[in-house]
Amino acid sequence: MKASELKGKSAGELVELERQLRDELFRLRMKHYSGQLQSVSELRKKRRAIARVKTVQSQLKNQAS
C-alpha cells in the first residue's frame, strides 16, 4: 500500500490497518521460525508497510497540532 493511499484514510482506519499488519507480521515470523515461510522478503514488506502507516499517523497528528 502506497503512502498516498494511506493519506486518504481516517485515524481510526489507520489504527486498524496497523493492527492487522502487526498481526500478519507476527504470523509470518512464526512461519519463519518454524521453517514454513517460503519468501523471507514478506517480513521486510510487512515491516515497511507498518512504517508507512506509522509515518502517516504521525503526519496527521502533527497537522492537528
C-alpha atoms as a PDB file:
ATOM      1  CA  MET A   1       0.000   0.000   0.000  1.00  0.00           C
ATOM      2  CA  LYS A   2       1.354   3.370  -1.002  1.00  0.00           C
ATOM      3  CA  ALA A   3       1.591   6.337   1.334  1.00  0.00           C
ATOM      4  CA  SER A   4      -0.657   8.359  -0.974  1.00  0.00           C
ATOM      5  CA  GLU A   5      -3.397   5.748  -0.481  1.00  0.00           C
ATOM      6  CA  LEU A   6      -2.927   5.894   3.285  1.00  0.00           C
ATOM      7  CA  LYS A   7      -3.291   9.676   3.455  1.00  0.00           C
ATOM      8  CA  GLY A   8      -6.933   9.366   2.431  1.00  0.00           C
ATOM      9  CA  LYS A   9      -7.786   7.170   5.405  1.00  0.00           C
ATOM     10  CA  SER A  10      -9.071   8.321   8.773  1.00  0.00           C
ATOM     11  CA  ALA A  11      -7.089   7.951  12.004  1.00  0.00           C
ATOM     12  CA  GLY A  12      -9.295   5.040  13.103  1.00  0.00           C
ATOM     13  CA  GLU A  13      -8.776   3.218   9.821  1.00  0.00           C
ATOM     14  CA  LEU A  14      -5.022   3.682  10.132  1.00  0.00           C
ATOM     15  CA  VAL A  15      -5.022   2.241  13.652  1.00  0.00           C
ATOM     16  CA  GLU A  16      -6.989  -0.791  12.460  1.00  0.00           C
ATOM     17  CA  LEU A  17      -4.698  -1.256   9.452  1.00  0.00           C
ATOM     18  CA  GLU A  18      -1.620  -1.099  11.690  1.00  0.00           C
ATOM     19  CA  ARG A  19      -3.137  -3.731  13.985  1.00  0.00           C
ATOM     20  CA  GLN A  20      -3.839  -6.016  11.026  1.00  0.00           C
ATOM     21  CA  LEU A  21      -0.332  -5.573   9.626  1.00  0.00           C
ATOM     22  CA  ARG A  22       1.260  -6.299  13.010  1.00  0.00           C
ATOM     23  CA  ASP A  23      -0.835  -9.452  13.304  1.00  0.00           C
ATOM     24  CA  GLU A  24       0.238 -10.560   9.822  1.00  0.00           C
ATOM     25  CA  LEU A  25       3.877  -9.815  10.689  1.00  0.00           C
ATOM     26  CA  PHE A  26       3.588 -11.937  13.836  1.00  0.00           C
ATOM     27  CA  ARG A  27       2.169 -14.837  11.812  1.00  0.00           C
ATOM     28  CA  LEU A  28       4.927 -14.505   9.224  1.00  0.00           C
ATOM     29  CA  ARG A  29       7.567 -14.558  11.967  1.00  0.00           C
ATOM     30  CA  MET A  30       6.086 -17.742  13.404  1.00  0.00           C
ATOM     31  CA  LYS A  31       6.158 -19.350   9.966  1.00  0.00           C
ATOM     32  CA  HIS A  32       9.753 -18.204   9.522  1.00  0.00           C
ATOM     33  CA  TYR A  33      10.843 -19.647  12.860  1.00  0.00           C
ATOM     34  CA  SER A  34       9.156 -22.965  12.124  1.00  0.00           C
ATOM     35  CA  GLY A  35      10.699 -23.125   8.653  1.00  0.00           C
ATOM     36  CA  GLN A  36       7.420 -22.888   6.738  1.00  0.00           C
ATOM     37  CA  LEU A  37       7.918 -19.424   5.233  1.00  0.00           C
ATOM     38  CA  GLN A  38       8.853 -19.617   1.554  1.00  0.00           C
ATOM     39  CA  SER A  39       9.618 -15.944   0.920  1.00  0.00           C
ATOM     40  CA  VAL A  40      11.525 -14.201   3.684  1.00  0.00           C
ATOM     41  CA  SER A  41      11.118 -10.899   1.845  1.00  0.00           C
ATOM     42  CA  GLU A  42       7.494 -10.831   3.035  1.00  0.00           C
ATOM     43  CA  LEU A  43       8.792  -9.951   6.515  1.00  0.00           C
ATOM     44  CA  ARG A  44      10.536  -6.887   5.137  1.00  0.00           C
ATOM     45  CA  LYS A  45       7.466  -5.836   3.149  1.00  0.00           C
ATOM     46  CA  LYS A  46       5.226  -6.019   6.232  1.00  0.00           C
ATOM     47  CA  ARG A  47       7.702  -4.067   8.373  1.00  0.00           C
ATOM     48  CA  ARG A  48       7.873  -1.337   5.759  1.00  0.00           C
ATOM     49  CA  ALA A  49       4.087  -1.230   5.410  1.00  0.00           C
ATOM     50  CA  ILE A  50       3.807  -0.749   9.179  1.00  0.00           C
ATOM     51  CA  ALA A  51       6.394   2.047   8.994  1.00  0.00           C
ATOM     52  CA  ARG A  52       4.376   3.758   6.243  1.00  0.00           C
ATOM     53  CA  VAL A  53       1.211   3.611   8.341  1.00  0.00           C
ATOM     54  CA  LYS A  54       3.014   4.985  11.395  1.00  0.00           C
ATOM     55  CA  THR A  55       4.522   7.799   9.299  1.00  0.00           C
ATOM     56  CA  VAL A  56       1.114   8.865   8.008  1.00  0.00           C
ATOM     57  CA  GLN A  57      -0.302   8.672  11.542  1.00  0.00           C
ATOM     58  CA  SER A  58       2.493  10.930  12.747  1.00  0.00           C
ATOM     59  CA  GLN A  59       1.868  13.392   9.914  1.00  0.00           C
ATOM     60  CA  LEU A  60      -1.841  13.529  10.751  1.00  0.00           C
ATOM     61  CA  LYS A  61      -1.028  14.097  14.416  1.00  0.00           C
ATOM     62  CA  ASN A  62       1.352  16.942  13.568  1.00  0.00           C
ATOM     63  CA  GLN A  63      -1.179  18.586  11.247  1.00  0.00           C
ATOM     64  CA  ALA A  64      -3.794  18.540  14.004  1.00  0.00           C
ATOM     65  CA  SER A  65      -1.428  20.295  16.393  1.00  0.00           C
END
